[in-house]
C-alpha atoms as a PDB file:
ATOM      1  CA  UNK A   1      50.269 133.439  66.427  1.00  0.00           C
ATOM      2  CA  UNK A   2      50.552 130.550  63.988  1.00  0.00           C
ATOM      3  CA  UNK A   3      53.685 128.443  63.662  1.00  0.00           C
ATOM      4  CA  UNK A   4      53.718 128.453  59.839  1.00  0.00           C
ATOM      5  CA  UNK A   5      52.848 132.074  59.134  1.00  0.00           C
ATOM      6  CA  UNK A   6      56.287 133.537  59.859  1.00  0.00           C
ATOM      7  CA  UNK A   7      54.719 136.270  61.945  1.00  0.00           C
ATOM      8  CA  UNK A   8      56.822 138.225  64.402  1.00  0.00           C
ATOM      9  CA  UNK A   9      54.124 139.965  66.386  1.00  0.00           C
ATOM     10  CA  UNK A  10      54.845 138.423  69.786  1.00  0.00           C
ATOM     11  CA  UNK A  11      55.449 140.375  72.962  1.00  0.00           C
ATOM     12  CA  UNK A  12      59.076 141.551  72.751  1.00  0.00           C
ATOM     13  CA  UNK A  13      59.326 142.413  76.445  1.00  0.00           C
ATOM     14  CA  UNK A  14      58.111 138.944  77.406  1.00  0.00           C
ATOM     15  CA  UNK A  15      60.608 137.322  75.038  1.00  0.00           C
ATOM     16  CA  UNK A  16      63.438 139.359  76.543  1.00  0.00           C
ATOM     17  CA  UNK A  17      62.354 138.401  80.072  1.00  0.00           C
ATOM     18  CA  UNK A  18      62.197 134.701  79.250  1.00  0.00           C
ATOM     19  CA  UNK A  19      65.509 134.699  77.385  1.00  0.00           C
ATOM     20  CA  UNK A  20      67.239 136.541  80.243  1.00  0.00           C
ATOM     21  CA  UNK A  21      65.829 134.059  82.757  1.00  0.00           C
ATOM     22  CA  UNK A  22      67.147 131.188  80.643  1.00  0.00           C
ATOM     23  CA  UNK A  23      70.567 132.860  80.358  1.00  0.00           C
ATOM     24  CA  UNK A  24      70.787 133.246  84.146  1.00  0.00           C
ATOM     25  CA  UNK A  25      69.557 129.672  84.640  1.00  0.00           C
ATOM     26  CA  UNK A  26      72.387 128.288  82.463  1.00  0.00           C
ATOM     27  CA  UNK A  27      75.140 130.751  83.479  1.00  0.00           C
ATOM     28  CA  UNK A  28      76.699 128.384  86.023  1.00  0.00           C
ATOM     29  CA  UNK A  29      77.648 126.033  83.181  1.00  0.00           C
ATOM     30  CA  UNK A  30      80.003 128.657  81.767  1.00  0.00           C
ATOM     31  CA  UNK A  31      81.221 130.251  85.023  1.00  0.00           C
ATOM     32  CA  UNK A  32      80.762 128.235  88.234  1.00  0.00           C
ATOM     33  CA  UNK A  33      81.551 131.286  90.389  1.00  0.00           C
ATOM     34  CA  UNK A  34      79.368 133.718  88.452  1.00  0.00           C
ATOM     35  CA  UNK A  35      77.641 134.986  91.591  1.00  0.00           C
ATOM     36  CA  UNK A  36      81.009 135.994  93.020  1.00  0.00           C
ATOM     37  CA  UNK A  37      82.159 137.656  89.794  1.00  0.00           C
ATOM     38  CA  UNK A  38      78.985 139.714  89.380  1.00  0.00           C
ATOM     39  CA  UNK A  39      78.652 140.899  92.981  1.00  0.00           C
ATOM     40  CA  UNK A  40      80.427 143.653  94.900  1.00  0.00           C
ATOM     41  CA  UNK A  41      81.866 141.056  97.273  1.00  0.00           C
ATOM     42  CA  UNK A  42      85.601 140.528  96.893  1.00  0.00           C
ATOM     43  CA  UNK A  43      86.400 137.100  98.350  1.00  0.00           C
ATOM     44  CA  UNK A  44      89.927 136.088  99.124  1.00  0.00           C
ATOM     45  CA  UNK A  45      91.405 133.202  97.116  1.00  0.00           C
ATOM     46  CA  UNK A  46      91.338 130.806 100.076  1.00  0.00           C
ATOM     47  CA  UNK A  47      87.620 131.454 100.533  1.00  0.00           C
ATOM     48  CA  UNK A  48      86.837 130.493  96.933  1.00  0.00           C
ATOM     49  CA  UNK A  49      89.007 127.403  97.240  1.00  0.00           C
ATOM     50  CA  UNK A  50      87.334 126.329 100.474  1.00  0.00           C
ATOM     51  CA  UNK A  51      83.824 126.647  99.104  1.00  0.00           C
ATOM     52  CA  UNK A  52      84.138 125.535  95.476  1.00  0.00           C
ATOM     53  CA  UNK A  53      86.826 122.875  95.773  1.00  0.00           C
ATOM     54  CA  UNK A  54      86.246 121.426  99.237  1.00  0.00           C
ATOM     55  CA  UNK A  55      82.663 122.050 100.329  1.00  0.00           C
ATOM     56  CA  UNK A  56      80.327 122.104  97.319  1.00  0.00           C
ATOM     57  CA  UNK A  57      81.465 118.822  95.714  1.00  0.00           C
ATOM     58  CA  UNK A  58      80.465 116.961  98.896  1.00  0.00           C
ATOM     59  CA  UNK A  59      76.737 116.331  99.049  1.00  0.00           C
ATOM     60  CA  UNK A  60      75.006 116.316 101.443  1.00  0.00           C
ATOM     61  CA  UNK A  61      76.917 119.315 102.723  1.00  0.00           C
ATOM     62  CA  UNK A  62      78.365 118.358 106.144  1.00  0.00           C
ATOM     63  CA  UNK A  63      79.979 121.754 106.833  1.00  0.00           C
ATOM     64  CA  UNK A  64      79.291 124.981 108.647  1.00  0.00           C
ATOM     65  CA  UNK A  65      81.201 127.863 107.071  1.00  0.00           C
ATOM     66  CA  UNK A  66      82.082 130.517 109.635  1.00  0.00           C
ATOM     67  CA  UNK A  67      84.309 133.561 109.745  1.00  0.00           C
ATOM     68  CA  UNK A  68      86.001 135.729 112.362  1.00  0.00           C
ATOM     69  CA  UNK A  69      83.543 137.627 114.568  1.00  0.00           C
ATOM     70  CA  UNK A  70      83.774 141.388 114.778  1.00  0.00           C
ATOM     71  CA  UNK A  71      85.093 141.954 111.275  1.00  0.00           C
ATOM     72  CA  UNK A  72      82.174 144.238 110.371  1.00  0.00           C
ATOM     73  CA  UNK A  73      80.446 141.769 108.074  1.00  0.00           C
ATOM     74  CA  UNK A  74      76.949 142.718 109.239  1.00  0.00           C
ATOM     75  CA  UNK A  75      77.570 146.425 108.749  1.00  0.00           C
ATOM     76  CA  UNK A  76      79.164 145.884 105.309  1.00  0.00           C
ATOM     77  CA  UNK A  77      76.286 143.652 104.202  1.00  0.00           C
ATOM     78  CA  UNK A  78      73.888 146.538 104.803  1.00  0.00           C
ATOM     79  CA  UNK A  79      75.612 148.832 102.329  1.00  0.00           C
END
């Protein structure tokens, strides 16, 4: 495909794949918690605050994030 010919005979599926990959790559610039918003996980407000306001800005990350044992997290993660 030449650059000056104005031809549009490229692979449409490949273009869509590349453009979607680029959109996902840049999504964090528009929504820092995009992964949370697009998943079926429903975090509590204090969990978002702890991770995005307290932990992530500090690099290297000197934290271990843990939760209450026995809350069924392993079983829920499998569904």
